[in-house]
Amino acid sequence: MMESVAQEIILSCEINSIERGSLKNLSMVNMSCNGFNVSFDIIDSINIFSQKEKVKVIISKNRPSYSHDDFCGHGYIVTELKDSSLNNGNKYTTIISLYGLLVKIISNKESFLRTSQLNIMDHVYFCVKKNN
């Protein structure tokens, strides 16, 4: 389910895997979210997530409420890349930089920016909230 209310996108997700990142003390969390694949970098010392956990992702232009059980950061939408070489149509990869930590949103159907009404260089908050 993808909800979009006043520049706030809410995705229901399940964490598929947590892999070692390419840098020391960095992990990459991979999730399936309502037709999107979302991955984000997280520093090991603040990683509060585990595999198969159900979470909610919020991408918002306004600062959302959060608790110590959530991961939130803010940054900018850097780019959206389109790969038309796939046999199944178009693949879009949207990249958000949280001042160094990266978020990748992959869609095999349509542009995430177009469906969410966001633009490159928009300042956004990215939160992953545990379902309690």
C-alpha atoms as a PDB file:
ATOM      1  CA  MET A   1       0.000   0.000   0.000  1.00  0.00           C
ATOM      2  CA  MET A   2       1.329   3.442  -0.969  1.00  0.00           C
ATOM      3  CA  GLU A   3      -0.353   6.446   0.580  1.00  0.00           C
ATOM      4  CA  SER A   4       0.487   9.986  -0.486  1.00  0.00           C
ATOM      5  CA  VAL A   5      -0.889  12.802   1.632  1.00  0.00           C
ATOM      6  CA  ALA A   6       0.392  16.397   1.268  1.00  0.00           C
ATOM      7  CA  GLN A   7       3.888  15.404   0.103  1.00  0.00           C
ATOM      8  CA  GLU A   8       4.128  12.502   2.574  1.00  0.00           C
ATOM      9  CA  ILE A   9       4.549   9.039   1.087  1.00  0.00           C
ATOM     10  CA  ILE A  10       3.919   6.043   3.335  1.00  0.00           C
ATOM     11  CA  LEU A  11       4.970   2.541   2.263  1.00  0.00           C
ATOM     12  CA  SER A  12       4.339  -0.758   4.063  1.00  0.00           C
ATOM     13  CA  CYS A  13       7.512  -2.845   3.844  1.00  0.00           C
ATOM     14  CA  GLU A  14       9.182  -6.074   4.877  1.00  0.00           C
ATOM     15  CA  ILE A  15      12.933  -6.271   5.401  1.00  0.00           C
ATOM     16  CA  ASN A  16      14.313  -8.939   3.039  1.00  0.00           C
ATOM     17  CA  SER A  17      17.956  -8.826   4.068  1.00  0.00           C
ATOM     18  CA  ILE A  18      20.638  -6.860   5.862  1.00  0.00           C
ATOM     19  CA  GLU A  19      24.004  -7.050   4.104  1.00  0.00           C
ATOM     20  CA  ARG A  20      27.487  -5.787   4.840  1.00  0.00           C
ATOM     21  CA  GLY A  21      28.125  -2.480   3.153  1.00  0.00           C
ATOM     22  CA  SER A  22      31.198  -1.622   1.131  1.00  0.00           C
ATOM     23  CA  LEU A  23      32.563   0.585   3.921  1.00  0.00           C
ATOM     24  CA  LYS A  24      33.608  -0.424   7.438  1.00  0.00           C
ATOM     25  CA  ASN A  25      30.768  -0.388  10.033  1.00  0.00           C
ATOM     26  CA  LEU A  26      28.111   0.128   7.351  1.00  0.00           C
ATOM     27  CA  SER A  27      25.198  -2.152   6.457  1.00  0.00           C
ATOM     28  CA  MET A  28      22.609  -2.068   3.695  1.00  0.00           C
ATOM     29  CA  VAL A  29      18.994  -2.838   4.584  1.00  0.00           C
ATOM     30  CA  ASN A  30      16.946  -4.235   1.660  1.00  0.00           C
ATOM     31  CA  MET A  31      13.134  -4.095   1.729  1.00  0.00           C
ATOM     32  CA  SER A  32      10.118  -4.945  -0.418  1.00  0.00           C
ATOM     33  CA  CYS A  33       7.547  -2.154  -0.311  1.00  0.00           C
ATOM     34  CA  ASN A  34       4.306  -2.223  -2.324  1.00  0.00           C
ATOM     35  CA  GLY A  35       5.846  -2.766  -5.750  1.00  0.00           C
ATOM     36  CA  PHE A  36       9.061  -0.904  -4.905  1.00  0.00           C
ATOM     37  CA  ASN A  37      12.378  -2.303  -3.744  1.00  0.00           C
ATOM     38  CA  VAL A  38      13.955   0.060  -1.225  1.00  0.00           C
ATOM     39  CA  SER A  39      17.475  -0.195   0.178  1.00  0.00           C
ATOM     40  CA  PHE A  40      19.243   2.156   2.541  1.00  0.00           C
ATOM     41  CA  ASP A  41      22.629   2.463   4.207  1.00  0.00           C
ATOM     42  CA  ILE A  42      22.781   2.425   7.985  1.00  0.00           C
ATOM     43  CA  ILE A  43      25.701   2.620  10.400  1.00  0.00           C
ATOM     44  CA  ASP A  44      26.039  -0.672  12.303  1.00  0.00           C
ATOM     45  CA  SER A  45      26.044   0.977  15.743  1.00  0.00           C
ATOM     46  CA  ILE A  46      22.546   2.449  15.179  1.00  0.00           C
ATOM     47  CA  ASN A  47      21.015  -0.453  13.242  1.00  0.00           C
ATOM     48  CA  ILE A  48      17.839  -1.461  15.106  1.00  0.00           C
ATOM     49  CA  PHE A  49      16.344  -3.666  12.378  1.00  0.00           C
ATOM     50  CA  SER A  50      16.253  -7.398  11.694  1.00  0.00           C
ATOM     51  CA  GLN A  51      15.434  -9.582   8.726  1.00  0.00           C
ATOM     52  CA  LYS A  52      11.727 -10.334   8.017  1.00  0.00           C
ATOM     53  CA  GLU A  53      10.657  -7.415  10.213  1.00  0.00           C
ATOM     54  CA  LYS A  54       7.602  -5.428   9.070  1.00  0.00           C
ATOM     55  CA  VAL A  55       8.223  -1.690   8.910  1.00  0.00           C
ATOM     56  CA  LYS A  56       6.697   1.486   7.538  1.00  0.00           C
ATOM     57  CA  VAL A  57       8.712   3.865   5.343  1.00  0.00           C
ATOM     58  CA  ILE A  58       7.817   7.551   5.360  1.00  0.00           C
ATOM     59  CA  ILE A  59       9.234   9.972   2.800  1.00  0.00           C
ATOM     60  CA  SER A  60       8.078  13.485   3.576  1.00  0.00           C
ATOM     61  CA  LYS A  61       8.836  17.121   2.870  1.00  0.00           C
ATOM     62  CA  ASN A  62       7.867  17.849   6.492  1.00  0.00           C
ATOM     63  CA  ARG A  63       9.574  16.413   9.555  1.00  0.00           C
ATOM     64  CA  PRO A  64       7.492  13.418  10.725  1.00  0.00           C
ATOM     65  CA  SER A  65       7.165  12.366  14.342  1.00  0.00           C
ATOM     66  CA  TYR A  66       9.465   9.525  15.385  1.00  0.00           C
ATOM     67  CA  SER A  67      10.764   7.675  18.443  1.00  0.00           C
ATOM     68  CA  HIS A  68      13.946   5.891  19.537  1.00  0.00           C
ATOM     69  CA  ASP A  69      12.588   2.753  17.808  1.00  0.00           C
ATOM     70  CA  ASP A  70      12.754   4.456  14.390  1.00  0.00           C
ATOM     71  CA  PHE A  71      15.488   5.451  11.937  1.00  0.00           C
ATOM     72  CA  CYS A  72      15.067   8.937  10.481  1.00  0.00           C
ATOM     73  CA  GLY A  73      17.320  11.152   8.442  1.00  0.00           C
ATOM     74  CA  HIS A  74      16.988  14.034   6.052  1.00  0.00           C
ATOM     75  CA  GLY A  75      18.666  14.942   2.805  1.00  0.00           C
ATOM     76  CA  TYR A  76      18.001  15.532  -0.861  1.00  0.00           C
ATOM     77  CA  ILE A  77      16.646  13.597  -3.813  1.00  0.00           C
ATOM     78  CA  VAL A  78      19.765  13.405  -5.974  1.00  0.00           C
ATOM     79  CA  THR A  79      18.607  11.745  -9.177  1.00  0.00           C
ATOM     80  CA  GLU A  80      16.323   9.273 -10.867  1.00  0.00           C
ATOM     81  CA  LEU A  81      17.800   6.951 -13.468  1.00  0.00           C
ATOM     82  CA  LYS A  82      15.810   5.158 -16.156  1.00  0.00           C
ATOM     83  CA  ASP A  83      17.015   1.832 -17.568  1.00  0.00           C
ATOM     84  CA  SER A  84      15.040   0.801 -20.664  1.00  0.00           C
ATOM     85  CA  SER A  85      17.278  -2.155 -21.511  1.00  0.00           C
ATOM     86  CA  LEU A  86      15.214  -4.667 -19.542  1.00  0.00           C
ATOM     87  CA  ASN A  87      12.893  -6.988 -21.437  1.00  0.00           C
ATOM     88  CA  ASN A  88      10.033  -6.216 -19.044  1.00  0.00           C
ATOM     89  CA  GLY A  89       9.830  -2.496 -19.759  1.00  0.00           C
ATOM     90  CA  ASN A  90      11.320   0.396 -17.839  1.00  0.00           C
ATOM     91  CA  LYS A  91      13.190   0.286 -14.547  1.00  0.00           C
ATOM     92  CA  TYR A  92      13.578   3.458 -12.479  1.00  0.00           C
ATOM     93  CA  THR A  93      16.105   3.968  -9.679  1.00  0.00           C
ATOM     94  CA  THR A  94      15.590   7.010  -7.446  1.00  0.00           C
ATOM     95  CA  ILE A  95      18.485   7.996  -5.176  1.00  0.00           C
ATOM     96  CA  ILE A  96      18.179  10.047  -1.985  1.00  0.00           C
ATOM     97  CA  SER A  97      21.323  11.191  -0.162  1.00  0.00           C
ATOM     98  CA  LEU A  98      21.031  11.527   3.600  1.00  0.00           C
ATOM     99  CA  TYR A  99      24.280  13.516   3.763  1.00  0.00           C
ATOM    100  CA  GLY A 100      26.326  10.476   2.761  1.00  0.00           C
ATOM    101  CA  LEU A 101      24.058   7.552   3.558  1.00  0.00           C
ATOM    102  CA  LEU A 102      22.171   6.535   0.422  1.00  0.00           C
ATOM    103  CA  VAL A 103      18.585   5.431  -0.124  1.00  0.00           C
ATOM    104  CA  LYS A 104      17.698   3.654  -3.384  1.00  0.00           C
ATOM    105  CA  ILE A 105      14.108   3.209  -4.510  1.00  0.00           C
ATOM    106  CA  ILE A 106      13.718   0.845  -7.464  1.00  0.00           C
ATOM    107  CA  SER A 107      10.518   0.551  -9.485  1.00  0.00           C
ATOM    108  CA  ASN A 108       9.983  -1.806 -12.422  1.00  0.00           C
ATOM    109  CA  LYS A 109       6.831  -0.028 -13.555  1.00  0.00           C
ATOM    110  CA  GLU A 110       6.848   3.747 -13.319  1.00  0.00           C
ATOM    111  CA  SER A 111       8.807   6.700 -12.026  1.00  0.00           C
ATOM    112  CA  PHE A 112       8.715   7.056  -8.233  1.00  0.00           C
ATOM    113  CA  LEU A 113       9.141  10.817  -8.591  1.00  0.00           C
ATOM    114  CA  ARG A 114       6.194  11.067 -10.964  1.00  0.00           C
ATOM    115  CA  THR A 115       3.869   8.949  -8.802  1.00  0.00           C
ATOM    116  CA  SER A 116       4.892  10.716  -5.580  1.00  0.00           C
ATOM    117  CA  GLN A 117       4.939  14.234  -7.075  1.00  0.00           C
ATOM    118  CA  LEU A 118       8.480  14.874  -5.825  1.00  0.00           C
ATOM    119  CA  ASN A 119      11.372  16.428  -7.746  1.00  0.00           C
ATOM    120  CA  ILE A 120      15.146  16.137  -7.938  1.00  0.00           C
ATOM    121  CA  MET A 121      16.781  18.351  -5.273  1.00  0.00           C
ATOM    122  CA  ASP A 122      13.694  18.326  -3.034  1.00  0.00           C
ATOM    123  CA  HIS A 123      14.665  18.277   0.646  1.00  0.00           C
ATOM    124  CA  VAL A 124      12.998  15.208   2.210  1.00  0.00           C
ATOM    125  CA  TYR A 125      12.867  13.244   5.432  1.00  0.00           C
ATOM    126  CA  PHE A 126      13.306   9.471   5.195  1.00  0.00           C
ATOM    127  CA  CYS A 127      12.044   7.448   8.163  1.00  0.00           C
ATOM    128  CA  VAL A 128      11.793   3.710   8.738  1.00  0.00           C
ATOM    129  CA  LYS A 129       9.402   3.017  11.591  1.00  0.00           C
ATOM    130  CA  LYS A 130       8.881  -0.323  13.296  1.00  0.00           C
ATOM    131  CA  ASN A 131       5.322  -1.671  13.283  1.00  0.00           C
ATOM    132  CA  ASN A 132       4.526  -1.980  16.990  1.00  0.00           C
END
